[in-house]
Structures are given as C-alpha cells and as structure tokens.
C-alpha cells in the first residue's frame, strides 16, 4: 500500500492536469478496496470536484478566506459523516475540521 499512497500523493496534487486526475480516480475505483486506500479516493474525488467548481462530497478540502481556514462547499451536509465513514475517513467532519484548523493556526504563514 506504500506505493499506492505515494502515487496518490502525486495525483492528488496534479491540479494542473484535471483529466489525469479523473483518469486516475476511475482506475483507483476499479481496484479492490485492499489495493487502494478508500480515503485516498475520497480526497481525490473532493479535489476534482473543487477543481471543477462543484461541491465536494466528503469534506476533505479547505481554503483560506480572510485569513481563516474554511471548507470548500460540501453537498448534502446531513449525510456527510455517513459518506466519510464509508470511505474509511474515520473521524467525523467536525473532528477533521477542528484538527485541520489547529494545524493551520500552528503552521500559518499569513
């Protein structure tokens, strides 16, 4: 799984080539769950949604607005934590957001 995670990290940050990200996402989804970390699929799918100016599905992506970290729009907030759990995102969105805000405040260069 180390090789899969390394490949995902490159794909996740290849925002300059959305078609490449979409191709990789479709390939990742075809693999058995034990071959590709489902949370990596969730992160990539959200990244693609954001780049396509659509609401994200799993609440993994944030950006800075007025020096404050905020999530990009998320579709159907009511079922968000159920979707997250289904993709092995073990923390709730609320926990994830709080942790990311802590990291951001400790590491912000604004």
PDB file of N, CA and C in Angstrom:
ATOM      1  N   UNK A   1       0.830  -1.204   0.000  1.00  0.00           N
ATOM      2  CA  UNK A   1       0.000   0.000   0.000  1.00  0.00           C
ATOM      3  C   UNK A   1       0.868   1.258   0.000  1.00  0.00           C
ATOM      4  N   UNK A   2       2.138   1.170   0.391  1.00  0.00           N
ATOM      5  CA  UNK A   2       3.019   2.340   0.377  1.00  0.00           C
ATOM      6  C   UNK A   2       3.144   2.930  -1.021  1.00  0.00           C
ATOM      7  N   UNK A   3       3.295   2.072  -2.026  1.00  0.00           N
ATOM      8  CA  UNK A   3       3.410   2.556  -3.406  1.00  0.00           C
ATOM      9  C   UNK A   3       2.115   3.230  -3.841  1.00  0.00           C
ATOM     10  N   UNK A   4       0.989   2.664  -3.446  1.00  0.00           N
ATOM     11  CA  UNK A   4      -0.309   3.246  -3.779  1.00  0.00           C
ATOM     12  C   UNK A   4      -0.446   4.630  -3.156  1.00  0.00           C
ATOM     13  N   UNK A   5      -0.041   4.781  -1.901  1.00  0.00           N
ATOM     14  CA  UNK A   5      -0.126   6.083  -1.232  1.00  0.00           C
ATOM     15  C   UNK A   5       0.794   7.106  -1.880  1.00  0.00           C
ATOM     16  N   UNK A   6       1.984   6.680  -2.268  1.00  0.00           N
ATOM     17  CA  UNK A   6       2.924   7.599  -2.924  1.00  0.00           C
ATOM     18  C   UNK A   6       2.369   8.066  -4.265  1.00  0.00           C
ATOM     19  N   UNK A   7       1.805   7.137  -5.026  1.00  0.00           N
ATOM     20  CA  UNK A   7       1.211   7.503  -6.321  1.00  0.00           C
ATOM     21  C   UNK A   7       0.038   8.454  -6.114  1.00  0.00           C
ATOM     22  N   UNK A   8      -0.797   8.155  -5.121  1.00  0.00           N
ATOM     23  CA  UNK A   8      -1.946   9.019  -4.849  1.00  0.00           C
ATOM     24  C   UNK A   8      -1.495  10.438  -4.509  1.00  0.00           C
ATOM     25  N   UNK A   9      -0.443  10.569  -3.727  1.00  0.00           N
ATOM     26  CA  UNK A   9       0.031  11.889  -3.323  1.00  0.00           C
ATOM     27  C   UNK A   9       0.410  12.734  -4.542  1.00  0.00           C
ATOM     28  N   UNK A  10       1.045  12.126  -5.512  1.00  0.00           N
ATOM     29  CA  UNK A  10       1.399  12.834  -6.751  1.00  0.00           C
ATOM     30  C   UNK A  10       0.140  13.221  -7.511  1.00  0.00           C
ATOM     31  N   UNK A  11      -0.774  12.276  -7.645  1.00  0.00           N
ATOM     32  CA  UNK A  11      -2.027  12.518  -8.378  1.00  0.00           C
ATOM     33  C   UNK A  11      -2.847  13.604  -7.687  1.00  0.00           C
ATOM     34  N   UNK A  12      -2.943  13.531  -6.364  1.00  0.00           N
ATOM     35  CA  UNK A  12      -3.733  14.480  -5.581  1.00  0.00           C
ATOM     36  C   UNK A  12      -3.295  15.914  -5.834  1.00  0.00           C
ATOM     37  N   UNK A  13      -2.018  16.120  -6.059  1.00  0.00           N
ATOM     38  CA  UNK A  13      -1.501  17.480  -6.224  1.00  0.00           C
ATOM     39  C   UNK A  13      -1.225  17.847  -7.681  1.00  0.00           C
ATOM     40  N   UNK A  14      -1.730  17.064  -8.604  1.00  0.00           N
ATOM     41  CA  UNK A  14      -1.561  17.347 -10.032  1.00  0.00           C
ATOM     42  C   UNK A  14      -2.733  18.196 -10.537  1.00  0.00           C
ATOM     43  N   UNK A  15      -3.038  19.262  -9.813  1.00  0.00           N
ATOM     44  CA  UNK A  15      -4.191  20.107 -10.144  1.00  0.00           C
ATOM     45  C   UNK A  15      -4.093  20.735 -11.528  1.00  0.00           C
ATOM     46  N   UNK A  16      -2.907  20.827 -12.063  1.00  0.00           N
ATOM     47  CA  UNK A  16      -2.720  21.405 -13.391  1.00  0.00           C
ATOM     48  C   UNK A  16      -3.232  20.477 -14.499  1.00  0.00           C
ATOM     49  N   UNK A  17      -3.548  19.224 -14.155  1.00  0.00           N
ATOM     50  CA  UNK A  17      -3.999  18.249 -15.161  1.00  0.00           C
ATOM     51  C   UNK A  17      -5.211  17.485 -14.638  1.00  0.00           C
ATOM     52  N   UNK A  18      -6.353  18.138 -14.698  1.00  0.00           N
ATOM     53  CA  UNK A  18      -7.590  17.546 -14.202  1.00  0.00           C
ATOM     54  C   UNK A  18      -7.978  16.263 -14.907  1.00  0.00           C
ATOM     55  N   UNK A  19      -7.699  16.181 -16.201  1.00  0.00           N
ATOM     56  CA  UNK A  19      -8.023  14.946 -16.926  1.00  0.00           C
ATOM     57  C   UNK A  19      -7.217  13.774 -16.394  1.00  0.00           C
ATOM     58  N   UNK A  20      -5.960  14.013 -16.061  1.00  0.00           N
ATOM     59  CA  UNK A  20      -5.113  12.976 -15.470  1.00  0.00           C
ATOM     60  C   UNK A  20      -5.684  12.545 -14.117  1.00  0.00           C
ATOM     61  N   UNK A  21      -6.075  13.506 -13.302  1.00  0.00           N
ATOM     62  CA  UNK A  21      -6.657  13.173 -12.006  1.00  0.00           C
ATOM     63  C   UNK A  21      -7.927  12.332 -12.179  1.00  0.00           C
ATOM     64  N   UNK A  22      -8.771  12.701 -13.134  1.00  0.00           N
ATOM     65  CA  UNK A  22     -10.021  11.963 -13.363  1.00  0.00           C
ATOM     66  C   UNK A  22      -9.742  10.547 -13.863  1.00  0.00           C
ATOM     67  N   UNK A  23      -8.767  10.404 -14.745  1.00  0.00           N
ATOM     68  CA  UNK A  23      -8.392   9.071 -15.228  1.00  0.00           C
ATOM     69  C   UNK A  23      -7.905   8.213 -14.065  1.00  0.00           C
ATOM     70  N   UNK A  24      -7.043   8.773 -13.242  1.00  0.00           N
ATOM     71  CA  UNK A  24      -6.510   8.023 -12.105  1.00  0.00           C
ATOM     72  C   UNK A  24      -7.610   7.653 -11.123  1.00  0.00           C
ATOM     73  N   UNK A  25      -8.540   8.575 -10.892  1.00  0.00           N
ATOM     74  CA  UNK A  25      -9.652   8.282  -9.989  1.00  0.00           C
ATOM     75  C   UNK A  25     -10.459   7.098 -10.508  1.00  0.00           C
ATOM     76  N   UNK A  26     -10.739   7.084 -11.797  1.00  0.00           N
ATOM     77  CA  UNK A  26     -11.519   5.969 -12.347  1.00  0.00           C
ATOM     78  C   UNK A  26     -10.747   4.656 -12.216  1.00  0.00           C
ATOM     79  N   UNK A  27      -9.444   4.695 -12.401  1.00  0.00           N
ATOM     80  CA  UNK A  27      -8.629   3.485 -12.238  1.00  0.00           C
ATOM     81  C   UNK A  27      -8.589   3.043 -10.774  1.00  0.00           C
ATOM     82  N   UNK A  28      -8.465   4.000  -9.874  1.00  0.00           N
ATOM     83  CA  UNK A  28      -8.436   3.676  -8.444  1.00  0.00           C
ATOM     84  C   UNK A  28      -9.747   3.027  -8.005  1.00  0.00           C
ATOM     85  N   UNK A  29     -10.866   3.523  -8.514  1.00  0.00           N
ATOM     86  CA  UNK A  29     -12.172   2.987  -8.134  1.00  0.00           C
ATOM     87  C   UNK A  29     -12.386   1.562  -8.633  1.00  0.00           C
ATOM     88  N   UNK A  30     -11.675   1.163  -9.682  1.00  0.00           N
ATOM     89  CA  UNK A  30     -11.811  -0.194 -10.224  1.00  0.00           C
ATOM     90  C   UNK A  30     -11.033  -1.229  -9.423  1.00  0.00           C
ATOM     91  N   UNK A  31     -10.090  -0.765  -8.617  1.00  0.00           N
ATOM     92  CA  UNK A  31      -9.251  -1.680  -7.833  1.00  0.00           C
ATOM     93  C   UNK A  31      -9.988  -2.156  -6.583  1.00  0.00           C
ATOM     94  N   UNK A  32      -9.649  -3.358  -6.104  1.00  0.00           N
ATOM     95  CA  UNK A  32     -10.247  -3.821  -4.843  1.00  0.00           C
ATOM     96  C   UNK A  32      -9.863  -2.892  -3.690  1.00  0.00           C
ATOM     97  N   UNK A  33     -10.734  -2.798  -2.715  1.00  0.00           N
ATOM     98  CA  UNK A  33     -10.521  -1.880  -1.584  1.00  0.00           C
ATOM     99  C   UNK A  33      -9.218  -2.160  -0.844  1.00  0.00           C
ATOM    100  N   UNK A  34      -8.749  -3.388  -0.849  1.00  0.00           N
ATOM    101  CA  UNK A  34      -7.498  -3.693  -0.142  1.00  0.00           C
ATOM    102  C   UNK A  34      -6.268  -3.228  -0.931  1.00  0.00           C
ATOM    103  N   UNK A  35      -6.438  -2.851  -2.190  1.00  0.00           N
ATOM    104  CA  UNK A  35      -5.334  -2.374  -3.017  1.00  0.00           C
ATOM    105  C   UNK A  35      -5.178  -0.857  -2.981  1.00  0.00           C
ATOM    106  N   UNK A  36      -6.282  -0.142  -2.783  1.00  0.00           N
ATOM    107  CA  UNK A  36      -6.270   1.322  -2.798  1.00  0.00           C
ATOM    108  C   UNK A  36      -7.022   1.813  -1.562  1.00  0.00           C
ATOM    109  N   UNK A  37      -6.364   2.647  -0.792  1.00  0.00           N
ATOM    110  CA  UNK A  37      -6.981   3.206   0.409  1.00  0.00           C
ATOM    111  C   UNK A  37      -8.202   4.027  -0.002  1.00  0.00           C
ATOM    112  N   UNK A  38      -9.350   3.662   0.510  1.00  0.00           N
ATOM    113  CA  UNK A  38     -10.593   4.342   0.141  1.00  0.00           C
ATOM    114  C   UNK A  38     -10.573   5.819   0.524  1.00  0.00           C
ATOM    115  N   UNK A  39      -9.860   6.151   1.594  1.00  0.00           N
ATOM    116  CA  UNK A  39      -9.778   7.563   1.969  1.00  0.00           C
ATOM    117  C   UNK A  39      -9.028   8.361   0.905  1.00  0.00           C
ATOM    118  N   UNK A  40      -8.062   7.748   0.240  1.00  0.00           N
ATOM    119  CA  UNK A  40      -7.361   8.430  -0.855  1.00  0.00           C
ATOM    120  C   UNK A  40      -8.313   8.728  -2.003  1.00  0.00           C
ATOM    121  N   UNK A  41      -9.209   7.798  -2.266  1.00  0.00           N
ATOM    122  CA  UNK A  41     -10.226   8.023  -3.302  1.00  0.00           C
ATOM    123  C   UNK A  41     -11.106   9.210  -2.908  1.00  0.00           C
ATOM    124  N   UNK A  42     -11.510   9.266  -1.647  1.00  0.00           N
ATOM    125  CA  UNK A  42     -12.358  10.369  -1.183  1.00  0.00           C
ATOM    126  C   UNK A  42     -11.651  11.713  -1.340  1.00  0.00           C
ATOM    127  N   UNK A  43     -10.391  11.780  -0.920  1.00  0.00           N
ATOM    128  CA  UNK A  43      -9.635  13.030  -1.046  1.00  0.00           C
ATOM    129  C   UNK A  43      -9.509  13.458  -2.508  1.00  0.00           C
ATOM    130  N   UNK A  44      -9.198  12.507  -3.379  1.00  0.00           N
ATOM    131  CA  UNK A  44      -9.032  12.837  -4.795  1.00  0.00           C
ATOM    132  C   UNK A  44     -10.362  13.243  -5.421  1.00  0.00           C
ATOM    133  N   UNK A  45     -11.416  12.538  -5.066  1.00  0.00           N
ATOM    134  CA  UNK A  45     -12.728  12.891  -5.626  1.00  0.00           C
ATOM    135  C   UNK A  45     -13.131  14.301  -5.202  1.00  0.00           C
ATOM    136  N   UNK A  46     -12.887  14.644  -3.947  1.00  0.00           N
ATOM    137  CA  UNK A  46     -13.187  16.005  -3.494  1.00  0.00           C
ATOM    138  C   UNK A  46     -12.322  17.026  -4.220  1.00  0.00           C
ATOM    139  N   UNK A  47     -11.059  16.720  -4.414  1.00  0.00           N
ATOM    140  CA  UNK A  47     -10.147  17.644  -5.098  1.00  0.00           C
ATOM    141  C   UNK A  47     -10.635  17.910  -6.519  1.00  0.00           C
ATOM    142  N   UNK A  48     -11.062  16.859  -7.188  1.00  0.00           N
ATOM    143  CA  UNK A  48     -11.576  17.005  -8.552  1.00  0.00           C
ATOM    144  C   UNK A  48     -12.851  17.850  -8.549  1.00  0.00           C
ATOM    145  N   UNK A  49     -13.731  17.604  -7.604  1.00  0.00           N
ATOM    146  CA  UNK A  49     -14.958  18.407  -7.507  1.00  0.00           C
ATOM    147  C   UNK A  49     -14.626  19.886  -7.352  1.00  0.00           C
ATOM    148  N   UNK A  50     -13.712  20.194  -6.451  1.00  0.00           N
ATOM    149  CA  UNK A  50     -13.324  21.589  -6.215  1.00  0.00           C
ATOM    150  C   UNK A  50     -12.747  22.203  -7.480  1.00  0.00           C
ATOM    151  N   UNK A  51     -11.856  21.468  -8.142  1.00  0.00           N
ATOM    152  CA  UNK A  51     -11.255  21.984  -9.373  1.00  0.00           C
ATOM    153  C   UNK A  51     -12.275  22.180 -10.482  1.00  0.00           C
ATOM    154  N   UNK A  52     -13.361  21.407 -10.442  1.00  0.00           N
ATOM    155  CA  UNK A  52     -14.448  21.542 -11.423  1.00  0.00           C
ATOM    156  C   UNK A  52     -15.532  22.506 -10.936  1.00  0.00           C
ATOM    157  N   UNK A  53     -15.261  23.209  -9.839  1.00  0.00           N
ATOM    158  CA  UNK A  53     -16.176  24.187  -9.249  1.00  0.00           C
ATOM    159  C   UNK A  53     -17.517  23.556  -8.854  1.00  0.00           C
ATOM    160  N   UNK A  54     -17.418  22.359  -8.284  1.00  0.00           N
ATOM    161  CA  UNK A  54     -18.591  21.653  -7.757  1.00  0.00           C
ATOM    162  C   UNK A  54     -18.395  21.477  -6.256  1.00  0.00           C
ATOM    163  N   UNK A  55     -19.482  21.213  -5.561  1.00  0.00           N
ATOM    164  CA  UNK A  55     -19.396  20.949  -4.126  1.00  0.00           C
ATOM    165  C   UNK A  55     -18.684  19.621  -3.900  1.00  0.00           C
ATOM    166  N   UNK A  56     -17.848  19.599  -2.870  1.00  0.00           N
ATOM    167  CA  UNK A  56     -17.155  18.353  -2.544  1.00  0.00           C
ATOM    168  C   UNK A  56     -18.119  17.384  -1.875  1.00  0.00           C
ATOM    169  N   UNK A  57     -17.734  16.120  -1.849  1.00  0.00           N
ATOM    170  CA  UNK A  57     -18.612  15.055  -1.365  1.00  0.00           C
ATOM    171  C   UNK A  57     -18.274  14.646   0.069  1.00  0.00           C
ATOM    172  N   UNK A  58     -16.990  14.638   0.422  1.00  0.00           N
ATOM    173  CA  UNK A  58     -16.540  14.077   1.697  1.00  0.00           C
ATOM    174  C   UNK A  58     -15.988  15.109   2.687  1.00  0.00           C
ATOM    175  N   UNK A  59     -15.914  16.353   2.298  1.00  0.00           N
ATOM    176  CA  UNK A  59     -15.469  17.407   3.214  1.00  0.00           C
ATOM    177  C   UNK A  59     -13.999  17.331   3.573  1.00  0.00           C
ATOM    178  N   UNK A  60     -13.160  17.034   2.600  1.00  0.00           N
ATOM    179  CA  UNK A  60     -11.720  16.907   2.866  1.00  0.00           C
ATOM    180  C   UNK A  60     -10.920  18.144   2.483  1.00  0.00           C
ATOM    181  N   UNK A  61     -11.513  19.070   1.747  1.00  0.00           N
ATOM    182  CA  UNK A  61     -10.761  20.183   1.175  1.00  0.00           C
ATOM    183  C   UNK A  61     -11.147  21.514   1.818  1.00  0.00           C
ATOM    184  N   UNK A  62     -10.110  22.308   2.127  1.00  0.00           N
ATOM    185  CA  UNK A  62     -10.282  23.600   2.783  1.00  0.00           C
ATOM    186  C   UNK A  62      -9.506  24.670   2.022  1.00  0.00           C
ATOM    187  N   UNK A  63      -9.846  25.906   2.283  1.00  0.00           N
ATOM    188  CA  UNK A  63      -9.096  27.026   1.725  1.00  0.00           C
ATOM    189  C   UNK A  63      -9.155  28.192   2.717  1.00  0.00           C
ATOM    190  N   UNK A  64      -8.382  29.215   2.431  1.00  0.00           N
ATOM    191  CA  UNK A  64      -8.280  30.355   3.333  1.00  0.00           C
ATOM    192  C   UNK A  64      -9.132  31.503   2.804  1.00  0.00           C
ATOM    193  N   UNK A  65      -9.981  32.031   3.669  1.00  0.00           N
ATOM    194  CA  UNK A  65     -10.809  33.194   3.368  1.00  0.00           C
ATOM    195  C   UNK A  65     -10.621  34.172   4.518  1.00  0.00           C
ATOM    196  N   UNK A  66     -10.154  35.369   4.193  1.00  0.00           N
ATOM    197  CA  UNK A  66      -9.917  36.388   5.224  1.00  0.00           C
ATOM    198  C   UNK A  66      -9.085  35.833   6.387  1.00  0.00           C
ATOM    199  N   UNK A  67      -8.025  35.162   6.032  1.00  0.00           N
ATOM    200  CA  UNK A  67      -7.076  34.596   6.991  1.00  0.00           C
ATOM    201  C   UNK A  67      -7.682  33.518   7.884  1.00  0.00           C
ATOM    202  N   UNK A  68      -8.799  32.950   7.468  1.00  0.00           N
ATOM    203  CA  UNK A  68      -9.447  31.890   8.230  1.00  0.00           C
ATOM    204  C   UNK A  68      -9.612  30.661   7.342  1.00  0.00           C
ATOM    205  N   UNK A  69      -9.350  29.503   7.898  1.00  0.00           N
ATOM    206  CA  UNK A  69      -9.492  28.252   7.165  1.00  0.00           C
ATOM    207  C   UNK A  69     -10.961  27.846   7.137  1.00  0.00           C
ATOM    208  N   UNK A  70     -11.501  27.650   5.938  1.00  0.00           N
ATOM    209  CA  UNK A  70     -12.897  27.248   5.792  1.00  0.00           C
ATOM    210  C   UNK A  70     -12.991  26.115   4.779  1.00  0.00           C
ATOM    211  N   UNK A  71     -13.993  25.254   4.931  1.00  0.00           N
ATOM    212  CA  UNK A  71     -14.158  24.186   3.946  1.00  0.00           C
ATOM    213  C   UNK A  71     -14.722  24.742   2.645  1.00  0.00           C
ATOM    214  N   UNK A  72     -14.326  24.115   1.548  1.00  0.00           N
ATOM    215  CA  UNK A  72     -14.993  24.398   0.288  1.00  0.00           C
ATOM    216  C   UNK A  72     -16.433  23.891   0.441  1.00  0.00           C
ATOM    217  N   UNK A  73     -17.357  24.357  -0.389  1.00  0.00           N
ATOM    218  CA  UNK A  73     -18.751  23.901  -0.269  1.00  0.00           C
ATOM    219  C   UNK A  73     -18.849  22.365  -0.283  1.00  0.00           C
ATOM    220  N   UNK A  74     -19.782  21.866   0.505  1.00  0.00           N
ATOM    221  CA  UNK A  74     -19.991  20.426   0.662  1.00  0.00           C
ATOM    222  C   UNK A  74     -21.440  20.114   0.329  1.00  0.00           C
ATOM    223  N   UNK A  75     -21.643  19.075  -0.471  1.00  0.00           N
ATOM    224  CA  UNK A  75     -23.005  18.688  -0.811  1.00  0.00           C
ATOM    225  C   UNK A  75     -23.620  17.851   0.313  1.00  0.00           C
ATOM    226  N   UNK A  76     -24.894  18.007   0.507  1.00  0.00           N
ATOM    227  CA  UNK A  76     -25.680  17.189   1.430  1.00  0.00           C
ATOM    228  C   UNK A  76     -24.991  16.989   2.777  1.00  0.00           C
ATOM    229  N   UNK A  77     -24.882  18.055   3.544  1.00  0.00           N
ATOM    230  CA  UNK A  77     -24.222  18.005   4.852  1.00  0.00           C
ATOM    231  C   UNK A  77     -24.881  16.989   5.794  1.00  0.00           C
ATOM    232  N   UNK A  78     -26.160  16.755   5.612  1.00  0.00           N
ATOM    233  CA  UNK A  78     -26.901  15.861   6.502  1.00  0.00           C
ATOM    234  C   UNK A  78     -26.271  14.461   6.546  1.00  0.00           C
ATOM    235  N   UNK A  79     -25.841  13.954   5.411  1.00  0.00           N
ATOM    236  CA  UNK A  79     -25.296  12.595   5.329  1.00  0.00           C
ATOM    237  C   UNK A  79     -23.771  12.562   5.230  1.00  0.00           C
ATOM    238  N   UNK A  80     -23.125  13.695   5.490  1.00  0.00           N
ATOM    239  CA  UNK A  80     -21.676  13.807   5.296  1.00  0.00           C
ATOM    240  C   UNK A  80     -20.890  12.775   6.094  1.00  0.00           C
ATOM    241  N   UNK A  81     -21.151  12.652   7.376  1.00  0.00           N
ATOM    242  CA  UNK A  81     -20.352  11.739   8.195  1.00  0.00           C
ATOM    243  C   UNK A  81     -20.585  10.273   7.829  1.00  0.00           C
ATOM    244  N   UNK A  82     -21.753   9.946   7.344  1.00  0.00           N
ATOM    245  CA  UNK A  82     -22.009   8.583   6.859  1.00  0.00           C
ATOM    246  C   UNK A  82     -21.169   8.310   5.614  1.00  0.00           C
ATOM    247  N   UNK A  83     -21.126   9.281   4.699  1.00  0.00           N
ATOM    248  CA  UNK A  83     -20.296   9.117   3.489  1.00  0.00           C
ATOM    249  C   UNK A  83     -18.830   9.002   3.870  1.00  0.00           C
ATOM    250  N   UNK A  84     -18.387   9.829   4.805  1.00  0.00           N
ATOM    251  CA  UNK A  84     -16.986   9.787   5.232  1.00  0.00           C
ATOM    252  C   UNK A  84     -16.631   8.415   5.806  1.00  0.00           C
ATOM    253  N   UNK A  85     -17.476   7.914   6.658  1.00  0.00           N
ATOM    254  CA  UNK A  85     -17.213   6.608   7.279  1.00  0.00           C
ATOM    255  C   UNK A  85     -17.136   5.510   6.213  1.00  0.00           C
ATOM    256  N   UNK A  86     -17.974   5.604   5.205  1.00  0.00           N
ATOM    257  CA  UNK A  86     -17.972   4.615   4.126  1.00  0.00           C
ATOM    258  C   UNK A  86     -16.696   4.618   3.306  1.00  0.00           C
ATOM    259  N   UNK A  87     -15.912   5.686   3.415  1.00  0.00           N
ATOM    260  CA  UNK A  87     -14.649   5.789   2.672  1.00  0.00           C
ATOM    261  C   UNK A  87     -13.443   5.687   3.612  1.00  0.00           C
ATOM    262  N   UNK A  88     -13.656   5.121   4.781  1.00  0.00           N
ATOM    263  CA  UNK A  88     -12.585   4.938   5.774  1.00  0.00           C
ATOM    264  C   UNK A  88     -11.998   6.249   6.278  1.00  0.00           C
ATOM    265  N   UNK A  89     -12.776   7.316   6.217  1.00  0.00           N
ATOM    266  CA  UNK A  89     -12.382   8.568   6.860  1.00  0.00           C
ATOM    267  C   UNK A  89     -12.942   8.464   8.277  1.00  0.00           C
ATOM    268  N   UNK A  90     -12.124   8.002   9.190  1.00  0.00           N
ATOM    269  CA  UNK A  90     -12.597   7.557  10.489  1.00  0.00           C
ATOM    270  C   UNK A  90     -13.063   8.689  11.408  1.00  0.00           C
ATOM    271  N   UNK A  91     -12.565   9.889  11.200  1.00  0.00           N
ATOM    272  CA  UNK A  91     -13.029  10.977  12.053  1.00  0.00           C
ATOM    273  C   UNK A  91     -14.233  11.652  11.393  1.00  0.00           C
ATOM    274  N   UNK A  92     -15.085  12.222  12.223  1.00  0.00           N
ATOM    275  CA  UNK A  92     -16.210  12.971  11.683  1.00  0.00           C
ATOM    276  C   UNK A  92     -15.676  14.222  10.991  1.00  0.00           C
ATOM    277  N   UNK A  93     -16.516  14.836  10.194  1.00  0.00           N
ATOM    278  CA  UNK A  93     -16.107  16.080   9.555  1.00  0.00           C
ATOM    279  C   UNK A  93     -15.739  17.114  10.612  1.00  0.00           C
ATOM    280  N   UNK A  94     -16.522  17.183  11.669  1.00  0.00           N
ATOM    281  CA  UNK A  94     -16.286  18.163  12.721  1.00  0.00           C
ATOM    282  C   UNK A  94     -14.907  17.957  13.361  1.00  0.00           C
ATOM    283  N   UNK A  95     -14.557  16.701  13.638  1.00  0.00           N
ATOM    284  CA  UNK A  95     -13.232  16.400  14.200  1.00  0.00           C
ATOM    285  C   UNK A  95     -12.123  16.746  13.203  1.00  0.00           C
ATOM    286  N   UNK A  96     -12.334  16.379  11.948  1.00  0.00           N
ATOM    287  CA  UNK A  96     -11.351  16.654  10.899  1.00  0.00           C
ATOM    288  C   UNK A  96     -11.124  18.161  10.758  1.00  0.00           C
ATOM    289  N   UNK A  97     -12.198  18.910  10.724  1.00  0.00           N
ATOM    290  CA  UNK A  97     -12.118  20.368  10.576  1.00  0.00           C
ATOM    291  C   UNK A  97     -11.369  20.981  11.762  1.00  0.00           C
ATOM    292  N   UNK A  98     -11.706  20.544  12.969  1.00  0.00           N
ATOM    293  CA  UNK A  98     -11.037  21.070  14.166  1.00  0.00           C
ATOM    294  C   UNK A  98      -9.537  20.769  14.121  1.00  0.00           C
ATOM    295  N   UNK A  99      -9.174  19.545  13.760  1.00  0.00           N
ATOM    296  CA  UNK A  99      -7.755  19.171  13.684  1.00  0.00           C
ATOM    297  C   UNK A  99      -7.030  19.987  12.613  1.00  0.00           C
ATOM    298  N   UNK A 100      -7.677  20.167  11.486  1.00  0.00           N
ATOM    299  CA  UNK A 100      -7.051  20.925  10.405  1.00  0.00           C
ATOM    300  C   UNK A 100      -6.911  22.394  10.796  1.00  0.00           C
ATOM    301  N   UNK A 101      -7.903  22.944  11.495  1.00  0.00           N
ATOM    302  CA  UNK A 101      -7.808  24.323  11.971  1.00  0.00           C
ATOM    303  C   UNK A 101      -6.645  24.475  12.956  1.00  0.00           C
ATOM    304  N   UNK A 102      -6.454  23.498  13.844  1.00  0.00           N
ATOM    305  CA  UNK A 102      -5.327  23.522  14.778  1.00  0.00           C
ATOM    306  C   UNK A 102      -4.010  23.523  14.018  1.00  0.00           C
ATOM    307  N   UNK A 103      -3.889  22.608  13.063  1.00  0.00           N
ATOM    308  CA  UNK A 103      -2.663  22.528  12.268  1.00  0.00           C
ATOM    309  C   UNK A 103      -2.421  23.849  11.551  1.00  0.00           C
ATOM    310  N   UNK A 104      -3.475  24.391  10.957  1.00  0.00           N
ATOM    311  CA  UNK A 104      -3.357  25.635  10.205  1.00  0.00           C
ATOM    312  C   UNK A 104      -2.894  26.782  11.106  1.00  0.00           C
ATOM    313  N   UNK A 105      -3.484  26.894  12.286  1.00  0.00           N
ATOM    314  CA  UNK A 105      -3.111  28.003  13.177  1.00  0.00           C
ATOM    315  C   UNK A 105      -1.665  27.867  13.655  1.00  0.00           C
ATOM    316  N   UNK A 106      -1.180  26.638  13.788  1.00  0.00           N
ATOM    317  CA  UNK A 106       0.204  26.424  14.215  1.00  0.00           C
ATOM    318  C   UNK A 106       1.214  26.612  13.078  1.00  0.00           C
ATOM    319  N   UNK A 107       0.751  26.469  11.842  1.00  0.00           N
ATOM    320  CA  UNK A 107       1.657  26.474  10.692  1.00  0.00           C
ATOM    321  C   UNK A 107       1.359  27.566   9.685  1.00  0.00           C
ATOM    322  N   UNK A 108       0.483  28.479   9.994  1.00  0.00           N
ATOM    323  CA  UNK A 108       0.077  29.511   9.060  1.00  0.00           C
ATOM    324  C   UNK A 108       1.207  30.515   8.818  1.00  0.00           C
ATOM    325  N   UNK A 109       1.328  30.898   7.560  1.00  0.00           N
ATOM    326  CA  UNK A 109       2.331  31.882   7.165  1.00  0.00           C
ATOM    327  C   UNK A 109       1.682  33.175   6.718  1.00  0.00           C
ATOM    328  N   UNK A 110       0.425  33.356   7.045  1.00  0.00           N
ATOM    329  CA  UNK A 110      -0.300  34.570   6.651  1.00  0.00           C
ATOM    330  C   UNK A 110       0.113  35.699   7.550  1.00  0.00           C
TER     331      UNK A 110
END
